[in-house]
């Protein structure tokens, strides 16, 4: 893979618990790392039992392999104010891994 294609900045977040100043347990998404990725959208069409066709978009994000320890099924990716849940993780080659993701909702409003 051409490293020049890693030109999109993504945020890797993980859901974590912590105790605030008043001793109350808080749960929130915490940014683990901001990294550069290559991003490509893939259209997936499936047929339901009633023969209706469902079209969905999966987003493939390729990052350097040295960030593999941060990646698991309980993380989410934020890219351009959009949240992506990780469906699958696999190795592309000795230097890169690919995250198969599905966009869920807007993270914040863009004005």
C-alpha atoms as a PDB file:
ATOM      1  CA  UNK A   1       0.000   0.000   0.000  1.00  0.00           C
ATOM      2  CA  UNK A   2       1.132   3.518  -0.776  1.00  0.00           C
ATOM      3  CA  UNK A   3       1.643   5.429   2.514  1.00  0.00           C
ATOM      4  CA  UNK A   4       0.595   8.622   0.730  1.00  0.00           C
ATOM      5  CA  UNK A   5      -2.997   7.328   0.741  1.00  0.00           C
ATOM      6  CA  UNK A   6      -3.100   7.630   4.549  1.00  0.00           C
ATOM      7  CA  UNK A   7      -4.380  11.193   4.218  1.00  0.00           C
ATOM      8  CA  UNK A   8      -7.540  11.251   6.375  1.00  0.00           C
ATOM      9  CA  UNK A   9      -7.340  12.058  10.077  1.00  0.00           C
ATOM     10  CA  UNK A  10      -9.481   9.763  12.249  1.00  0.00           C
ATOM     11  CA  UNK A  11     -10.030   9.555  15.991  1.00  0.00           C
ATOM     12  CA  UNK A  12      -9.987   6.172  17.761  1.00  0.00           C
ATOM     13  CA  UNK A  13     -12.263   6.256  20.843  1.00  0.00           C
ATOM     14  CA  UNK A  14     -13.033   3.735  23.583  1.00  0.00           C
ATOM     15  CA  UNK A  15     -15.861   3.652  26.132  1.00  0.00           C
ATOM     16  CA  UNK A  16     -14.355   3.961  29.611  1.00  0.00           C
ATOM     17  CA  UNK A  17     -15.499   4.424  33.198  1.00  0.00           C
ATOM     18  CA  UNK A  18     -13.944   6.956  35.538  1.00  0.00           C
ATOM     19  CA  UNK A  19     -14.764   8.578  38.891  1.00  0.00           C
ATOM     20  CA  UNK A  20     -15.391  12.334  38.940  1.00  0.00           C
ATOM     21  CA  UNK A  21     -14.514  14.789  41.762  1.00  0.00           C
ATOM     22  CA  UNK A  22     -17.701  13.946  43.675  1.00  0.00           C
ATOM     23  CA  UNK A  23     -17.053  10.187  43.579  1.00  0.00           C
ATOM     24  CA  UNK A  24     -19.721   9.470  40.968  1.00  0.00           C
ATOM     25  CA  UNK A  25     -18.914   6.929  38.273  1.00  0.00           C
ATOM     26  CA  UNK A  26     -19.019   8.475  34.802  1.00  0.00           C
ATOM     27  CA  UNK A  27     -19.019   6.590  31.493  1.00  0.00           C
ATOM     28  CA  UNK A  28     -17.840   8.331  28.358  1.00  0.00           C
ATOM     29  CA  UNK A  29     -16.027   7.884  25.055  1.00  0.00           C
ATOM     30  CA  UNK A  30     -12.361   8.773  25.516  1.00  0.00           C
ATOM     31  CA  UNK A  31     -10.006   9.499  22.617  1.00  0.00           C
ATOM     32  CA  UNK A  32      -7.190   6.937  22.560  1.00  0.00           C
ATOM     33  CA  UNK A  33      -5.318   8.252  19.530  1.00  0.00           C
ATOM     34  CA  UNK A  34      -5.679  10.428  16.449  1.00  0.00           C
ATOM     35  CA  UNK A  35      -4.154   8.670  13.427  1.00  0.00           C
ATOM     36  CA  UNK A  36      -4.082   8.964   9.656  1.00  0.00           C
ATOM     37  CA  UNK A  37      -6.004   6.443   7.559  1.00  0.00           C
ATOM     38  CA  UNK A  38      -6.921   5.586   3.982  1.00  0.00           C
ATOM     39  CA  UNK A  39     -10.717   5.518   3.669  1.00  0.00           C
ATOM     40  CA  UNK A  40     -12.891   3.867   1.018  1.00  0.00           C
ATOM     41  CA  UNK A  41     -16.655   3.300   0.961  1.00  0.00           C
ATOM     42  CA  UNK A  42     -18.043  -0.053  -0.174  1.00  0.00           C
ATOM     43  CA  UNK A  43     -21.683  -0.573  -1.149  1.00  0.00           C
ATOM     44  CA  UNK A  44     -23.135  -3.866   0.105  1.00  0.00           C
ATOM     45  CA  UNK A  45     -26.454  -5.128  -1.287  1.00  0.00           C
ATOM     46  CA  UNK A  46     -28.318  -7.960   0.416  1.00  0.00           C
ATOM     47  CA  UNK A  47     -31.660  -9.614  -0.272  1.00  0.00           C
ATOM     48  CA  UNK A  48     -34.153 -10.130   2.556  1.00  0.00           C
ATOM     49  CA  UNK A  49     -36.526 -13.070   2.981  1.00  0.00           C
ATOM     50  CA  UNK A  50     -39.283 -11.117   1.203  1.00  0.00           C
ATOM     51  CA  UNK A  51     -36.975 -10.560  -1.810  1.00  0.00           C
ATOM     52  CA  UNK A  52     -36.492  -6.875  -1.031  1.00  0.00           C
ATOM     53  CA  UNK A  53     -33.015  -5.517  -1.657  1.00  0.00           C
ATOM     54  CA  UNK A  54     -31.250  -3.655   1.146  1.00  0.00           C
ATOM     55  CA  UNK A  55     -28.330  -1.396   0.272  1.00  0.00           C
ATOM     56  CA  UNK A  56     -25.828  -0.456   2.979  1.00  0.00           C
ATOM     57  CA  UNK A  57     -22.510   1.315   2.944  1.00  0.00           C
ATOM     58  CA  UNK A  58     -19.499  -0.139   4.740  1.00  0.00           C
ATOM     59  CA  UNK A  59     -16.450   2.042   5.154  1.00  0.00           C
ATOM     60  CA  UNK A  60     -13.001   0.438   5.041  1.00  0.00           C
ATOM     61  CA  UNK A  61     -10.324   2.308   6.983  1.00  0.00           C
ATOM     62  CA  UNK A  62      -6.712   1.229   6.584  1.00  0.00           C
ATOM     63  CA  UNK A  63      -4.226   2.277   9.277  1.00  0.00           C
ATOM     64  CA  UNK A  64      -0.671   1.374  10.232  1.00  0.00           C
ATOM     65  CA  UNK A  65      -0.292  -1.966  12.014  1.00  0.00           C
ATOM     66  CA  UNK A  66       1.468  -0.437  15.033  1.00  0.00           C
ATOM     67  CA  UNK A  67      -1.977   0.846  16.169  1.00  0.00           C
ATOM     68  CA  UNK A  68      -3.436  -2.687  16.238  1.00  0.00           C
ATOM     69  CA  UNK A  69      -3.253  -2.842  20.043  1.00  0.00           C
ATOM     70  CA  UNK A  70      -5.759   0.056  20.188  1.00  0.00           C
ATOM     71  CA  UNK A  71      -8.243  -1.696  17.898  1.00  0.00           C
ATOM     72  CA  UNK A  72     -10.928  -4.015  19.202  1.00  0.00           C
ATOM     73  CA  UNK A  73     -14.648  -4.483  18.728  1.00  0.00           C
ATOM     74  CA  UNK A  74     -15.476  -2.036  21.540  1.00  0.00           C
ATOM     75  CA  UNK A  75     -13.976   1.047  19.880  1.00  0.00           C
ATOM     76  CA  UNK A  76     -15.507   3.609  17.603  1.00  0.00           C
ATOM     77  CA  UNK A  77     -13.970   5.804  14.944  1.00  0.00           C
ATOM     78  CA  UNK A  78     -14.828   9.473  14.455  1.00  0.00           C
ATOM     79  CA  UNK A  79     -14.159  10.926  11.014  1.00  0.00           C
ATOM     80  CA  UNK A  80     -15.554  14.248   9.759  1.00  0.00           C
ATOM     81  CA  UNK A  81     -18.056  14.499  12.652  1.00  0.00           C
ATOM     82  CA  UNK A  82     -19.452  11.039  11.877  1.00  0.00           C
ATOM     83  CA  UNK A  83     -19.288   8.035  14.195  1.00  0.00           C
ATOM     84  CA  UNK A  84     -18.319   4.611  12.815  1.00  0.00           C
ATOM     85  CA  UNK A  85     -18.648   1.326  14.707  1.00  0.00           C
ATOM     86  CA  UNK A  86     -16.026  -1.330  13.965  1.00  0.00           C
ATOM     87  CA  UNK A  87     -17.486  -4.544  12.514  1.00  0.00           C
ATOM     88  CA  UNK A  88     -14.263  -6.409  11.718  1.00  0.00           C
ATOM     89  CA  UNK A  89     -10.474  -6.005  11.816  1.00  0.00           C
ATOM     90  CA  UNK A  90      -7.993  -7.833   9.601  1.00  0.00           C
ATOM     91  CA  UNK A  91      -4.404  -7.538   8.405  1.00  0.00           C
ATOM     92  CA  UNK A  92      -3.735  -6.227   4.909  1.00  0.00           C
ATOM     93  CA  UNK A  93      -0.007  -6.980   4.947  1.00  0.00           C
ATOM     94  CA  UNK A  94       2.938  -6.751   7.336  1.00  0.00           C
ATOM     95  CA  UNK A  95       2.514  -2.966   7.772  1.00  0.00           C
ATOM     96  CA  UNK A  96      -1.234  -2.234   7.668  1.00  0.00           C
ATOM     97  CA  UNK A  97      -4.562  -3.364   9.120  1.00  0.00           C
ATOM     98  CA  UNK A  98      -8.043  -2.703   7.768  1.00  0.00           C
ATOM     99  CA  UNK A  99     -11.043  -1.736   9.911  1.00  0.00           C
ATOM    100  CA  UNK A 100     -14.429  -2.613   8.416  1.00  0.00           C
ATOM    101  CA  UNK A 101     -16.850  -0.043   9.835  1.00  0.00           C
ATOM    102  CA  UNK A 102     -20.426   1.099   9.554  1.00  0.00           C
ATOM    103  CA  UNK A 103     -21.442   4.724  10.075  1.00  0.00           C
ATOM    104  CA  UNK A 104     -24.063   5.259  12.741  1.00  0.00           C
ATOM    105  CA  UNK A 105     -24.910   8.883  13.415  1.00  0.00           C
ATOM    106  CA  UNK A 106     -23.586  12.388  13.356  1.00  0.00           C
ATOM    107  CA  UNK A 107     -21.152  13.158  16.163  1.00  0.00           C
ATOM    108  CA  UNK A 108     -21.687  16.911  16.067  1.00  0.00           C
ATOM    109  CA  UNK A 109     -23.147  19.495  13.790  1.00  0.00           C
ATOM    110  CA  UNK A 110     -21.044  20.903  11.001  1.00  0.00           C
ATOM    111  CA  UNK A 111     -21.625  24.550  10.144  1.00  0.00           C
END
